[in-house]
C-alpha atoms as a PDB file:
ATOM      1  CA  MET A   1     156.733 112.164 173.741  1.00  0.00           C
ATOM      2  CA  ASP A   2     155.004 111.794 176.871  1.00  0.00           C
ATOM      3  CA  TRP A   3     153.792 109.400 179.633  1.00  0.00           C
ATOM      4  CA  GLY A   4     150.550 108.562 177.693  1.00  0.00           C
ATOM      5  CA  TRP A   5     152.428 108.098 174.229  1.00  0.00           C
ATOM      6  CA  ILE A   6     154.604 105.630 176.009  1.00  0.00           C
ATOM      7  CA  THR A   7     151.511 103.882 177.567  1.00  0.00           C
ATOM      8  CA  ALA A   8     149.540 104.112 173.880  1.00  0.00           C
ATOM      9  CA  VAL A   9     152.865 102.180 172.676  1.00  0.00           C
ATOM     10  CA  THR A  10     153.128  99.859 175.489  1.00  0.00           C
ATOM     11  CA  GLY A  11     149.567  98.781 175.120  1.00  0.00           C
ATOM     12  CA  PHE A  12     150.255  98.461 171.388  1.00  0.00           C
ATOM     13  CA  ALA A  13     153.196  96.621 171.760  1.00  0.00           C
ATOM     14  CA  LEU A  14     151.506  94.057 173.899  1.00  0.00           C
ATOM     15  CA  ALA A  15     148.761  93.412 171.901  1.00  0.00           C
ATOM     16  CA  MET A  16     150.764  92.826 168.966  1.00  0.00           C
ATOM     17  CA  ALA A  17     153.331  90.864 171.127  1.00  0.00           C
ATOM     18  CA  GLY A  18     150.928  88.798 172.822  1.00  0.00           C
ATOM     19  CA  THR A  19     148.649  87.513 170.145  1.00  0.00           C
ATOM     20  CA  PRO A  20     149.422  84.058 168.730  1.00  0.00           C
ATOM     21  CA  GLY A  21     152.341  84.055 165.793  1.00  0.00           C
ATOM     22  CA  PRO A  22     155.462  82.487 164.862  1.00  0.00           C
ATOM     23  CA  ASN A  23     157.032  83.615 167.931  1.00  0.00           C
ATOM     24  CA  ASN A  24     154.440  82.526 170.322  1.00  0.00           C
ATOM     25  CA  THR A  25     154.190  79.589 168.705  1.00  0.00           C
ATOM     26  CA  MET A  26     157.785  78.305 168.754  1.00  0.00           C
ATOM     27  CA  VAL A  27     158.673  79.066 172.046  1.00  0.00           C
ATOM     28  CA  THR A  28     155.174  77.067 172.570  1.00  0.00           C
ATOM     29  CA  ALA A  29     156.105  74.153 171.378  1.00  0.00           C
ATOM     30  CA  SER A  30     160.009  74.658 172.866  1.00  0.00           C
ATOM     31  CA  GLY A  31     158.542  75.090 175.950  1.00  0.00           C
ATOM     32  CA  ALA A  32     156.452  71.975 176.015  1.00  0.00           C
ATOM     33  CA  THR A  33     159.520  69.928 174.343  1.00  0.00           C
ATOM     34  CA  HIS A  34     162.535  71.384 176.400  1.00  0.00           C
ATOM     35  CA  GLY A  35     161.164  73.114 179.435  1.00  0.00           C
ATOM     36  CA  PHE A  36     161.457  77.065 180.538  1.00  0.00           C
ATOM     37  CA  TRP A  37     165.285  77.162 181.181  1.00  0.00           C
ATOM     38  CA  ARG A  38     166.558  75.640 177.873  1.00  0.00           C
ATOM     39  CA  THR A  39     164.005  77.665 176.089  1.00  0.00           C
ATOM     40  CA  LEU A  40     165.571  81.048 177.904  1.00  0.00           C
ATOM     41  CA  PRO A  41     168.187  81.692 175.037  1.00  0.00           C
ATOM     42  CA  LEU A  42     165.340  81.441 172.474  1.00  0.00           C
ATOM     43  CA  MET A  43     163.401  83.801 173.953  1.00  0.00           C
ATOM     44  CA  SER A  44     165.917  86.243 174.925  1.00  0.00           C
ATOM     45  CA  GLY A  45     167.148  86.570 170.849  1.00  0.00           C
ATOM     46  CA  MET A  46     163.762  87.210 169.791  1.00  0.00           C
ATOM     47  CA  ALA A  47     163.464  90.000 172.099  1.00  0.00           C
ATOM     48  CA  ILE A  48     166.744  91.227 171.147  1.00  0.00           C
ATOM     49  CA  GLY A  49     166.096  90.601 167.618  1.00  0.00           C
ATOM     50  CA  VAL A  50     162.835  92.737 167.643  1.00  0.00           C
ATOM     51  CA  ALA A  51     165.087  95.849 169.316  1.00  0.00           C
ATOM     52  CA  ALA A  52     167.588  95.616 167.257  1.00  0.00           C
ATOM     53  CA  ILE A  53     165.466  95.836 164.354  1.00  0.00           C
ATOM     54  CA  ILE A  54     162.983  98.334 165.530  1.00  0.00           C
ATOM     55  CA  LEU A  55     165.847 100.343 166.412  1.00  0.00           C
ATOM     56  CA  ALA A  56     167.630 100.260 163.103  1.00  0.00           C
ATOM     57  CA  VAL A  57     164.370 100.969 161.204  1.00  0.00           C
ATOM     58  CA  GLY A  58     163.845 103.839 163.331  1.00  0.00           C
ATOM     59  CA  ALA A  59     167.494 104.828 162.784  1.00  0.00           C
ATOM     60  CA  ALA A  60     167.408 104.427 158.818  1.00  0.00           C
ATOM     61  CA  GLY A  61     164.211 105.961 158.013  1.00  0.00           C
ATOM     62  CA  ALA A  62     160.355 104.005 159.084  1.00  0.00           C
ATOM     63  CA  SER A  63     160.043 104.097 155.317  1.00  0.00           C
ATOM     64  CA  ILE A  64     161.851 101.187 154.074  1.00  0.00           C
ATOM     65  CA  VAL A  65     159.219  98.912 155.586  1.00  0.00           C
ATOM     66  CA  SER A  66     157.044  99.914 153.148  1.00  0.00           C
ATOM     67  CA  ASP A  67     159.183  99.306 149.836  1.00  0.00           C
ATOM     68  CA  PRO A  68     157.494  96.687 148.403  1.00  0.00           C
ATOM     69  CA  HIS A  69     160.384  95.189 147.120  1.00  0.00           C
ATOM     70  CA  ILE A  70     161.653  94.772 150.427  1.00  0.00           C
ATOM     71  CA  ARG A  71     158.633  93.434 151.746  1.00  0.00           C
ATOM     72  CA  ALA A  72     158.400  90.959 149.329  1.00  0.00           C
ATOM     73  CA  ALA A  73     161.530  89.554 149.546  1.00  0.00           C
ATOM     74  CA  LEU A  74     161.285  89.568 153.560  1.00  0.00           C
ATOM     75  CA  LYS A  75     157.542  87.653 152.888  1.00  0.00           C
ATOM     76  CA  TRP A  76     158.764  85.005 150.585  1.00  0.00           C
ATOM     77  CA  ALA A  77     161.724  84.489 152.606  1.00  0.00           C
ATOM     78  CA  GLY A  78     160.540  84.741 155.601  1.00  0.00           C
ATOM     79  CA  CYS A  79     157.539  82.112 154.441  1.00  0.00           C
ATOM     80  CA  ALA A  80     160.644  79.381 153.502  1.00  0.00           C
ATOM     81  CA  TYR A  81     162.200  79.803 156.905  1.00  0.00           C
ATOM     82  CA  LEU A  82     158.797  79.546 158.970  1.00  0.00           C
ATOM     83  CA  LEU A  83     158.347  76.289 157.001  1.00  0.00           C
ATOM     84  CA  TRP A  84     161.441  74.418 157.671  1.00  0.00           C
ATOM     85  CA  LEU A  85     161.021  75.609 161.739  1.00  0.00           C
ATOM     86  CA  ALA A  86     157.414  74.366 161.309  1.00  0.00           C
ATOM     87  CA  TRP A  87     159.012  71.100 160.104  1.00  0.00           C
ATOM     88  CA  ARG A  88     161.614  71.555 162.435  1.00  0.00           C
ATOM     89  CA  ILE A  89     158.884  71.725 165.662  1.00  0.00           C
ATOM     90  CA  GLY A  90     157.134  68.866 164.137  1.00  0.00           C
ATOM     91  CA  ARG A  91     160.023  66.571 164.162  1.00  0.00           C
ATOM     92  CA  ALA A  92     161.358  67.488 167.471  1.00  0.00           C
ATOM     93  CA  ARG A  93     161.827  64.721 170.067  1.00  0.00           C
ATOM     94  CA  PRO A  94     160.259  65.546 173.768  1.00  0.00           C
ATOM     95  CA  ALA A  95     162.903  65.987 176.627  1.00  0.00           C
ATOM     96  CA  ARG A  96     161.421  64.248 179.104  1.00  0.00           C
ATOM     97  CA  HIS A  97     162.726  62.026 181.729  1.00  0.00           C
ATOM     98  CA  ASP A  98     159.624  60.612 183.313  1.00  0.00           C
ATOM     99  CA  ILE A  99     158.451  59.576 179.691  1.00  0.00           C
ATOM    100  CA  PRO A 100     158.493  55.593 179.924  1.00  0.00           C
ATOM    101  CA  GLY A 101     161.121  54.422 177.485  1.00  0.00           C
ATOM    102  CA  ARG A 102     162.639  58.113 177.298  1.00  0.00           C
ATOM    103  CA  MET A 103     166.005  59.063 178.901  1.00  0.00           C
ATOM    104  CA  GLY A 104     167.939  62.314 178.734  1.00  0.00           C
ATOM    105  CA  ALA A 105     167.436  65.446 176.294  1.00  0.00           C
ATOM    106  CA  GLY A 106     165.450  65.172 173.160  1.00  0.00           C
ATOM    107  CA  GLY A 107     167.775  67.319 170.519  1.00  0.00           C
ATOM    108  CA  ARG A 108     168.392  70.964 171.153  1.00  0.00           C
ATOM    109  CA  PRO A 109     166.227  73.898 171.051  1.00  0.00           C
ATOM    110  CA  LEU A 110     166.774  77.025 169.377  1.00  0.00           C
ATOM    111  CA  THR A 111     169.528  79.009 170.181  1.00  0.00           C
ATOM    112  CA  LEU A 112     169.761  83.032 171.371  1.00  0.00           C
ATOM    113  CA  MET A 113     171.202  83.524 167.811  1.00  0.00           C
ATOM    114  CA  GLN A 114     168.469  81.506 166.080  1.00  0.00           C
ATOM    115  CA  GLY A 115     166.086  83.718 167.432  1.00  0.00           C
ATOM    116  CA  ALA A 116     167.324  86.754 167.023  1.00  0.00           C
ATOM    117  CA  LEU A 117     168.212  86.390 163.210  1.00  0.00           C
ATOM    118  CA  PHE A 118     164.983  84.842 162.996  1.00  0.00           C
ATOM    119  CA  GLN A 119     163.200  88.182 163.688  1.00  0.00           C
ATOM    120  CA  PHE A 120     164.813  89.383 160.226  1.00  0.00           C
ATOM    121  CA  VAL A 121     162.373  87.117 158.413  1.00  0.00           C
ATOM    122  CA  ASN A 122     159.618  87.224 160.953  1.00  0.00           C
ATOM    123  CA  PRO A 123     156.662  88.680 158.584  1.00  0.00           C
ATOM    124  CA  LYS A 124     154.204  89.634 161.383  1.00  0.00           C
ATOM    125  CA  LEU A 125     157.043  91.441 163.026  1.00  0.00           C
ATOM    126  CA  TRP A 126     157.418  93.748 160.092  1.00  0.00           C
ATOM    127  CA  ILE A 127     153.464  94.109 160.180  1.00  0.00           C
ATOM    128  CA  MET A 128     154.137  95.439 163.545  1.00  0.00           C
ATOM    129  CA  VAL A 129     157.227  97.453 162.868  1.00  0.00           C
ATOM    130  CA  ALA A 130     155.045  98.986 160.215  1.00  0.00           C
ATOM    131  CA  GLY A 131     152.293  99.725 162.121  1.00  0.00           C
ATOM    132  CA  ALA A 132     154.100 101.504 164.805  1.00  0.00           C
ATOM    133  CA  PHE A 133     155.578 103.621 163.332  1.00  0.00           C
ATOM    134  CA  VAL A 134     153.396 104.631 161.105  1.00  0.00           C
ATOM    135  CA  ALA A 135     150.516 104.878 164.303  1.00  0.00           C
ATOM    136  CA  PHE A 136     153.023 106.457 166.779  1.00  0.00           C
ATOM    137  CA  GLY A 137     156.155 107.602 164.676  1.00  0.00           C
ATOM    138  CA  GLY A 138     154.239 111.746 164.003  1.00  0.00           C
ATOM    139  CA  THR A 139     152.841 112.027 167.604  1.00  0.00           C
ATOM    140  CA  ALA A 140     156.671 111.949 168.786  1.00  0.00           C
ATOM    141  CA  ALA A 141     158.030 114.300 166.277  1.00  0.00           C
ATOM    142  CA  GLN A 142     158.957 117.174 168.401  1.00  0.00           C
ATOM    143  CA  ALA A 143     161.473 114.605 170.726  1.00  0.00           C
ATOM    144  CA  ALA A 144     164.833 114.150 169.748  1.00  0.00           C
ATOM    145  CA  SER A 145     165.000 112.118 166.443  1.00  0.00           C
ATOM    146  CA  PHE A 146     166.949 109.175 167.824  1.00  0.00           C
ATOM    147  CA  ALA A 147     164.580 109.345 171.054  1.00  0.00           C
ATOM    148  CA  VAL A 148     161.722 107.467 169.263  1.00  0.00           C
ATOM    149  CA  PRO A 149     163.459 104.545 167.980  1.00  0.00           C
ATOM    150  CA  LEU A 150     165.218 103.990 171.173  1.00  0.00           C
ATOM    151  CA  VAL A 151     161.757 103.796 173.159  1.00  0.00           C
ATOM    152  CA  PHE A 152     160.253 101.666 170.766  1.00  0.00           C
ATOM    153  CA  ALA A 153     163.310  99.331 170.856  1.00  0.00           C
ATOM    154  CA  ALA A 154     162.891  99.224 174.249  1.00  0.00           C
ATOM    155  CA  VAL A 155     159.438  98.694 174.929  1.00  0.00           C
ATOM    156  CA  PHE A 156     158.514  96.269 172.031  1.00  0.00           C
ATOM    157  CA  GLY A 157     161.899  93.806 173.188  1.00  0.00           C
ATOM    158  CA  THR A 158     160.280  93.924 176.727  1.00  0.00           C
ATOM    159  CA  ALA A 159     157.175  93.026 175.292  1.00  0.00           C
ATOM    160  CA  THR A 160     158.310  90.197 173.229  1.00  0.00           C
ATOM    161  CA  PHE A 161     160.201  88.630 175.877  1.00  0.00           C
ATOM    162  CA  ALA A 162     157.324  88.817 178.590  1.00  0.00           C
ATOM    163  CA  SER A 163     155.135  87.462 175.846  1.00  0.00           C
ATOM    164  CA  THR A 164     157.032  84.719 174.584  1.00  0.00           C
ATOM    165  CA  ALA A 165     157.851  83.792 178.419  1.00  0.00           C
ATOM    166  CA  ALA A 166     154.106  83.468 179.048  1.00  0.00           C
ATOM    167  CA  TRP A 167     153.772  81.210 175.913  1.00  0.00           C
ATOM    168  CA  THR A 168     156.837  79.031 177.006  1.00  0.00           C
ATOM    169  CA  LEU A 169     155.001  78.352 180.382  1.00  0.00           C
ATOM    170  CA  VAL A 170     152.069  77.319 178.409  1.00  0.00           C
ATOM    171  CA  GLY A 171     153.965  74.822 176.733  1.00  0.00           C
ATOM    172  CA  VAL A 172     155.510  73.693 180.049  1.00  0.00           C
ATOM    173  CA  GLY A 173     152.055  73.565 181.572  1.00  0.00           C
ATOM    174  CA  ALA A 174     150.757  71.490 178.403  1.00  0.00           C
ATOM    175  CA  SER A 175     153.682  68.963 178.509  1.00  0.00           C
ATOM    176  CA  ARG A 176     152.981  68.005 182.032  1.00  0.00           C
ATOM    177  CA  LEU A 177     149.259  67.523 180.826  1.00  0.00           C
ATOM    178  CA  LEU A 178     150.330  65.104 178.222  1.00  0.00           C
ATOM    179  CA  ALA A 179     151.766  61.814 180.069  1.00  0.00           C
ATOM    180  CA  THR A 180     153.365  60.050 177.014  1.00  0.00           C
ATOM    181  CA  GLU A 181     155.971  60.565 174.398  1.00  0.00           C
ATOM    182  CA  ARG A 182     153.291  60.451 171.713  1.00  0.00           C
ATOM    183  CA  SER A 183     151.161  63.010 173.176  1.00  0.00           C
ATOM    184  CA  LEU A 184     154.039  65.074 172.928  1.00  0.00           C
ATOM    185  CA  ARG A 185     154.599  64.569 169.651  1.00  0.00           C
ATOM    186  CA  LEU A 186     150.703  64.985 168.354  1.00  0.00           C
ATOM    187  CA  PHE A 187     150.871  68.308 170.601  1.00  0.00           C
ATOM    188  CA  ASN A 188     154.359  69.738 168.389  1.00  0.00           C
ATOM    189  CA  TRP A 189     152.635  68.741 165.431  1.00  0.00           C
ATOM    190  CA  THR A 190     149.887  70.586 166.365  1.00  0.00           C
ATOM    191  CA  MET A 191     152.122  73.603 166.961  1.00  0.00           C
ATOM    192  CA  ALA A 192     153.802  73.076 163.899  1.00  0.00           C
ATOM    193  CA  ALA A 193     150.375  73.246 162.051  1.00  0.00           C
ATOM    194  CA  LEU A 194     149.583  76.544 163.709  1.00  0.00           C
ATOM    195  CA  LEU A 195     152.886  77.895 162.594  1.00  0.00           C
ATOM    196  CA  ALA A 196     152.162  76.907 159.176  1.00  0.00           C
ATOM    197  CA  VAL A 197     148.327  78.507 159.331  1.00  0.00           C
ATOM    198  CA  SER A 198     150.270  81.370 160.418  1.00  0.00           C
ATOM    199  CA  LEU A 199     151.077  82.209 156.745  1.00  0.00           C
ATOM    200  CA  ILE A 200     147.912  82.494 155.044  1.00  0.00           C
ATOM    201  CA  PRO A 201     147.318  86.421 156.131  1.00  0.00           C
ATOM    202  CA  VAL A 202     150.713  86.979 155.141  1.00  0.00           C
ATOM    203  CA  LEU A 203     150.399  84.950 151.416  1.00  0.00           C
ATOM    204  CA  THR A 204     147.289  86.438 150.836  1.00  0.00           C
ATOM    205  CA  GLU A 205     148.208  90.126 151.444  1.00  0.00           C
END
């Protein structure tokens, strides 16, 4: 394990974490509805959950992510939960003081714990974990057995936080362009639809 390997893993992590998917769709909608700081616990929970899962998979043996029974259970549990989250995102009421007729916060954003626990049923994450260990796990075989999962966890957790922070800011920026509660609610339903559509590659796998 050297700096070239770490650079390659970091590039892979940023590419996977930065592309549209369940996490980024959720924080974009939350940023538009609740703002950056109220979304920060959700972002942190996602990063912690990603790091914890990668660390656990690496310690227990990366082959578990290729078990067909485990993958099937995760897929269907993840799809059901994601559809519920899409419905919640669509029904979220924007927390904007400057929208005519609105006072105070609208609803509650997802919490740190919810963001972390969601990663256990996040289909994209399990695909990412499997790909990371298959592509880069073997090249670090000479490293200490627990060093590779630690590095993976640190890199992917950091990449997840950076990505979700960027997508949250996209949502915050979008909310400033949408001047009415109706337009913000339409934005939320669009995000909910994108979250549901993101399940198609998983269901056709």
